[in-house]
């Protein structure tokens, strides 16, 4: 994880408050409840020294956390935030989190800033997922391309929130769900004259992507119509090489894709 991303990651703040404020004897039990496996063993004669105990726990927790894949790191962050929300000093944690675009609401860690690069959404967070995808779409100033193998009319609910007009909209999909999709697409275009909508079909993509103004790319771990039903992630693609390769593939696939009449 590069410095730019880690500056926006909630874990360091959560761990800092956790180690500074939680009773050291309670730390293993709380961390165990997050699902992360940590080696708590230490010599019995050293266990009674608080500073040694805290330093050892911090090192062991950090080692266990850094060994996790990114999606599991965010799961542990969510679980740790839920544990910290039970303490009376949680407002101090929340204030620090807000400075980097996060907050704790209803015992849950949530993103509140569009600059957060990687977002994990637990199962049954459909509204949170919809809101975050809508935030991404609303960044559009001239064009948007949505690559989603399975789309339905949900896409129009999100697209109509774009504030900057006129907009060119390209939808690249494989299967369209909903018997009246073509009809809804037509009446959407009839009502929203400043939206230029074209839909093409291809089987060349498995993953989902949103490309804004041909410069900013997001990877979406679930179809937009199902986002939040199951756990998934949204990630901003920051590597220039990956962005260029993705945009090239989209352009190639678009040029050979079947035009969907609407």
Protein backbone atom coordinates (compact mmCIF):
# COMPACT_ATOMS: atom_id res chain seq x y z
CA UNK A 1 0.00 0.00 0.00
CA UNK A 2 1.56 3.30 -1.08
CA UNK A 3 1.82 6.38 1.12
CA UNK A 4 -0.98 8.21 -0.64
CA UNK A 5 -3.40 5.43 0.10
CA UNK A 6 -2.22 4.74 3.66
CA UNK A 7 -2.70 8.41 4.54
CA UNK A 8 -6.40 7.89 3.85
CA UNK A 9 -6.71 4.48 5.48
CA UNK A 10 -8.55 4.35 8.83
CA UNK A 11 -6.48 1.54 10.35
CA UNK A 12 -3.60 3.61 11.71
CA UNK A 13 -5.96 5.93 13.56
CA UNK A 14 -8.03 3.03 14.89
CA UNK A 15 -4.93 1.14 16.08
CA UNK A 16 -3.40 4.26 17.64
CA UNK A 17 -6.46 4.97 19.78
CA UNK A 18 -6.93 1.28 20.50
CA UNK A 19 -3.42 0.84 21.88
CA UNK A 20 -3.40 4.13 23.79
CA UNK A 21 -6.79 3.89 25.47
CA UNK A 22 -7.86 0.26 25.84
CA UNK A 23 -6.77 -1.66 28.93
CA UNK A 24 -3.85 -3.79 27.80
CA UNK A 25 -5.26 -6.94 29.41
CA UNK A 26 -8.44 -6.52 27.34
CA UNK A 27 -6.64 -6.07 24.01
CA UNK A 28 -6.30 -9.78 23.02
CA UNK A 29 -9.98 -10.52 23.60
CA UNK A 30 -11.14 -7.50 21.58
CA UNK A 31 -8.77 -8.16 18.69
CA UNK A 32 -9.80 -11.82 18.64
CA UNK A 33 -13.40 -10.67 18.10
CA UNK A 34 -12.35 -8.87 14.91
CA UNK A 35 -11.38 -12.23 13.41
CA UNK A 36 -7.68 -11.42 13.07
CA UNK A 37 -5.30 -14.13 14.30
CA UNK A 38 -2.50 -12.74 16.48
CA UNK A 39 0.23 -14.52 18.40
CA UNK A 40 -0.32 -13.42 22.02
CA UNK A 41 2.33 -15.65 23.58
CA UNK A 42 5.07 -14.07 25.68
CA UNK A 43 7.22 -15.05 28.67
CA UNK A 44 5.19 -15.12 31.88
CA UNK A 45 7.74 -12.95 33.70
CA UNK A 46 7.39 -10.24 31.03
CA UNK A 47 3.58 -10.29 30.90
CA UNK A 48 3.28 -8.17 34.04
CA UNK A 49 5.25 -5.23 32.57
CA UNK A 50 2.73 -2.94 30.89
CA UNK A 51 5.14 -1.21 28.51
CA UNK A 52 6.56 -4.53 27.29
CA UNK A 53 3.05 -5.94 26.98
CA UNK A 54 1.79 -2.94 24.97
CA UNK A 55 4.85 -2.81 22.69
CA UNK A 56 4.63 -6.55 22.06
CA UNK A 57 0.90 -6.41 21.31
CA UNK A 58 1.30 -3.46 18.94
CA UNK A 59 4.06 -5.25 17.01
CA UNK A 60 2.15 -8.53 16.84
CA UNK A 61 -1.11 -6.84 15.75
CA UNK A 62 0.70 -4.85 13.06
CA UNK A 63 2.43 -7.97 11.74
CA UNK A 64 -0.85 -9.90 11.59
CA UNK A 65 -2.67 -7.00 9.94
CA UNK A 66 -0.04 -6.37 7.26
CA UNK A 67 -0.10 -10.06 6.33
CA UNK A 68 -3.78 -9.81 5.39
CA UNK A 69 -4.97 -9.12 1.82
CA UNK A 70 -6.41 -5.58 1.37
CA UNK A 71 -10.06 -6.67 1.49
CA UNK A 72 -9.49 -8.44 4.82
CA UNK A 73 -7.59 -5.45 6.19
CA UNK A 74 -10.72 -3.36 5.65
CA UNK A 75 -12.88 -6.05 7.24
CA UNK A 76 -10.66 -5.93 10.35
CA UNK A 77 -10.82 -2.11 10.32
CA UNK A 78 -14.62 -2.28 10.26
CA UNK A 79 -14.67 -4.79 13.11
CA UNK A 80 -12.19 -2.71 15.16
CA UNK A 81 -14.29 0.42 14.64
CA UNK A 82 -17.34 -1.46 15.89
CA UNK A 83 -15.45 -2.45 19.04
CA UNK A 84 -14.19 1.11 19.64
CA UNK A 85 -17.70 2.52 19.20
CA UNK A 86 -18.64 1.01 22.57
CA UNK A 87 -16.18 3.19 24.50
CA UNK A 88 -17.13 6.60 25.90
CA UNK A 89 -14.16 8.27 24.17
CA UNK A 90 -15.29 7.20 20.68
CA UNK A 91 -15.94 10.86 19.73
CA UNK A 92 -12.19 11.49 19.87
CA UNK A 93 -11.66 8.63 17.43
CA UNK A 94 -14.43 9.93 15.17
CA UNK A 95 -12.90 13.40 15.03
CA UNK A 96 -9.56 11.99 13.91
CA UNK A 97 -11.22 9.72 11.35
CA UNK A 98 -13.17 12.60 9.83
CA UNK A 99 -9.92 14.37 8.98
CA UNK A 100 -9.14 11.61 6.48
CA UNK A 101 -12.65 11.02 5.16
CA UNK A 102 -14.09 8.39 7.52
CA UNK A 103 -16.55 8.28 10.40
CA UNK A 104 -18.23 5.80 12.74
CA UNK A 105 -22.03 5.82 12.62
CA UNK A 106 -24.33 3.29 14.26
CA UNK A 107 -21.29 1.20 15.25
CA UNK A 108 -20.10 1.08 11.63
CA UNK A 109 -17.09 2.51 9.85
CA UNK A 110 -18.29 4.55 6.85
CA UNK A 111 -16.59 6.69 4.18
CA UNK A 112 -17.64 10.35 4.20
CA UNK A 113 -15.11 11.74 1.73
CA UNK A 114 -14.96 10.97 -1.99
CA UNK A 115 -11.16 11.01 -1.80
CA UNK A 116 -11.11 7.69 0.03
CA UNK A 117 -9.40 5.43 -2.51
CA UNK A 118 -10.55 1.96 -1.44
CA UNK A 119 -13.94 1.24 0.04
CA UNK A 120 -15.13 -2.06 1.49
CA UNK A 121 -18.85 -2.67 1.73
CA UNK A 122 -20.06 -5.49 3.98
CA UNK A 123 -23.03 -7.65 3.06
CA UNK A 124 -26.44 -5.91 3.11
CA UNK A 125 -25.13 -2.35 2.58
CA UNK A 126 -27.13 -1.66 -0.57
CA UNK A 127 -27.89 1.98 0.20
CA UNK A 128 -24.30 2.81 1.18
CA UNK A 129 -23.08 1.23 -2.05
CA UNK A 130 -25.63 3.08 -4.15
CA UNK A 131 -24.70 6.42 -2.57
CA UNK A 132 -20.98 5.89 -3.14
CA UNK A 133 -21.43 4.83 -6.78
CA UNK A 134 -23.65 7.88 -7.27
CA UNK A 135 -20.86 10.09 -5.88
CA UNK A 136 -18.46 8.65 -8.45
CA UNK A 137 -20.91 9.15 -11.32
CA UNK A 138 -21.56 12.74 -10.27
CA UNK A 139 -17.89 13.59 -10.86
CA UNK A 140 -18.57 13.44 -14.61
CA UNK A 141 -18.06 16.67 -16.50
CA UNK A 142 -18.30 15.53 -20.14
CA UNK A 143 -18.40 11.73 -20.56
CA UNK A 144 -18.88 8.52 -18.66
CA UNK A 145 -18.41 4.91 -19.67
CA UNK A 146 -19.91 2.17 -17.50
CA UNK A 147 -18.70 -1.38 -18.07
CA UNK A 148 -21.00 -3.82 -16.33
CA UNK A 149 -21.78 -7.28 -17.77
CA UNK A 150 -25.20 -7.26 -16.10
CA UNK A 151 -27.23 -4.04 -16.10
CA UNK A 152 -30.82 -3.10 -15.50
CA UNK A 153 -32.78 0.15 -15.20
CA UNK A 154 -30.98 0.95 -11.92
CA UNK A 155 -28.32 2.57 -14.07
CA UNK A 156 -30.71 5.32 -15.16
CA UNK A 157 -31.54 6.21 -11.55
CA UNK A 158 -27.86 6.94 -10.98
CA UNK A 159 -27.06 8.59 -14.32
CA UNK A 160 -29.84 11.16 -14.00
CA UNK A 161 -28.09 12.63 -10.93
CA UNK A 162 -25.13 13.91 -12.99
CA UNK A 163 -25.17 17.70 -12.46
CA UNK A 164 -22.89 18.78 -15.32
CA UNK A 165 -24.56 18.75 -18.75
CA UNK A 166 -24.45 17.86 -21.61
CA UNK A 167 -23.08 14.37 -21.02
CA UNK A 168 -22.03 11.54 -23.31
CA UNK A 169 -22.93 8.16 -21.78
CA UNK A 170 -21.58 4.83 -23.05
CA UNK A 171 -22.85 1.60 -21.51
CA UNK A 172 -20.91 -1.57 -22.29
CA UNK A 173 -22.63 -4.73 -21.09
CA UNK A 174 -23.26 -8.38 -21.87
CA UNK A 175 -26.75 -9.07 -20.56
CA UNK A 176 -29.60 -6.63 -19.98
CA UNK A 177 -32.03 -7.50 -17.18
CA UNK A 178 -35.63 -6.31 -17.12
CA UNK A 179 -38.16 -6.70 -19.92
CA UNK A 180 -38.87 -2.98 -20.26
CA UNK A 181 -35.25 -1.80 -20.26
CA UNK A 182 -35.36 -0.60 -23.88
CA UNK A 183 -38.58 1.31 -23.23
CA UNK A 184 -37.12 2.97 -20.13
CA UNK A 185 -33.97 3.86 -22.03
CA UNK A 186 -36.06 5.56 -24.71
CA UNK A 187 -38.16 7.61 -22.32
CA UNK A 188 -35.02 8.49 -20.36
CA UNK A 189 -33.49 9.91 -23.54
CA UNK A 190 -36.74 11.67 -24.41
CA UNK A 191 -36.88 13.43 -21.06
CA UNK A 192 -33.17 14.14 -20.65
CA UNK A 193 -32.25 15.82 -23.92
CA UNK A 194 -28.72 16.68 -22.76
CA UNK A 195 -27.84 13.02 -22.27
CA UNK A 196 -26.37 11.19 -25.26
CA UNK A 197 -26.81 7.49 -24.47
CA UNK A 198 -25.38 4.56 -26.43
CA UNK A 199 -25.45 0.93 -25.35
CA UNK A 200 -23.32 -1.86 -26.80
CA UNK A 201 -23.00 -5.53 -25.91
CA UNK A 202 -19.83 -7.60 -25.56
CA UNK A 203 -18.67 -10.67 -23.65
CA UNK A 204 -15.09 -9.41 -23.27
CA UNK A 205 -15.38 -8.15 -19.68
CA UNK A 206 -15.88 -9.99 -16.42
CA UNK A 207 -15.24 -7.14 -13.97
CA UNK A 208 -17.09 -3.83 -13.66
CA UNK A 209 -15.57 -0.41 -14.25
CA UNK A 210 -16.57 3.24 -14.38
CA UNK A 211 -14.48 5.62 -16.47
CA UNK A 212 -15.04 9.36 -16.01
CA UNK A 213 -14.00 11.86 -18.70
CA UNK A 214 -11.60 9.26 -20.13
CA UNK A 215 -9.14 9.99 -17.31
CA UNK A 216 -10.41 8.57 -13.99
CA UNK A 217 -11.16 4.88 -13.58
CA UNK A 218 -12.82 2.91 -10.80
CA UNK A 219 -13.01 -0.84 -10.36
CA UNK A 220 -16.39 -1.94 -8.98
CA UNK A 221 -16.47 -5.39 -7.38
CA UNK A 222 -20.17 -6.01 -8.03
CA UNK A 223 -22.74 -5.23 -10.69
CA UNK A 224 -24.30 -1.86 -9.99
CA UNK A 225 -27.77 -3.38 -9.82
CA UNK A 226 -26.64 -5.75 -7.03
CA UNK A 227 -24.06 -3.58 -5.23
CA UNK A 228 -24.18 -4.12 -1.48
CA UNK A 229 -26.22 -7.33 -1.54
CA UNK A 230 -22.97 -9.19 -0.86
CA UNK A 231 -19.61 -7.92 0.40
CA UNK A 232 -17.57 -6.14 -2.27
CA UNK A 233 -15.05 -3.33 -2.83
CA UNK A 234 -14.75 -0.16 -4.88
CA UNK A 235 -11.23 0.94 -5.81
CA UNK A 236 -9.86 3.95 -7.65
CA UNK A 237 -7.33 2.79 -10.26
CA UNK A 238 -4.32 5.03 -9.71
CA UNK A 239 -1.54 3.28 -11.64
CA UNK A 240 -1.12 5.06 -14.98
CA UNK A 241 -0.13 1.87 -16.77
CA UNK A 242 -3.23 0.02 -15.60
CA UNK A 243 -5.46 2.97 -16.51
CA UNK A 244 -4.00 3.17 -20.01
CA UNK A 245 -4.39 -0.59 -20.54
CA UNK A 246 -7.97 -0.53 -19.30
CA UNK A 247 -9.00 2.41 -21.49
CA UNK A 248 -7.33 0.79 -24.52
CA UNK A 249 -9.25 -2.46 -23.90
CA UNK A 250 -12.52 -0.56 -23.49
CA UNK A 251 -11.98 1.31 -26.76
CA UNK A 252 -11.12 -1.92 -28.60
CA UNK A 253 -14.12 -3.76 -27.18
CA UNK A 254 -16.43 -0.84 -27.86
CA UNK A 255 -15.41 -0.69 -31.52
CA UNK A 256 -16.33 -4.35 -32.10
CA UNK A 257 -19.31 -4.61 -29.73
CA UNK A 258 -22.88 -5.11 -30.94
CA UNK A 259 -24.92 -1.92 -30.94
CA UNK A 260 -28.01 -2.30 -28.77
CA UNK A 261 -30.98 -0.56 -30.32
CA UNK A 262 -33.07 1.52 -27.94
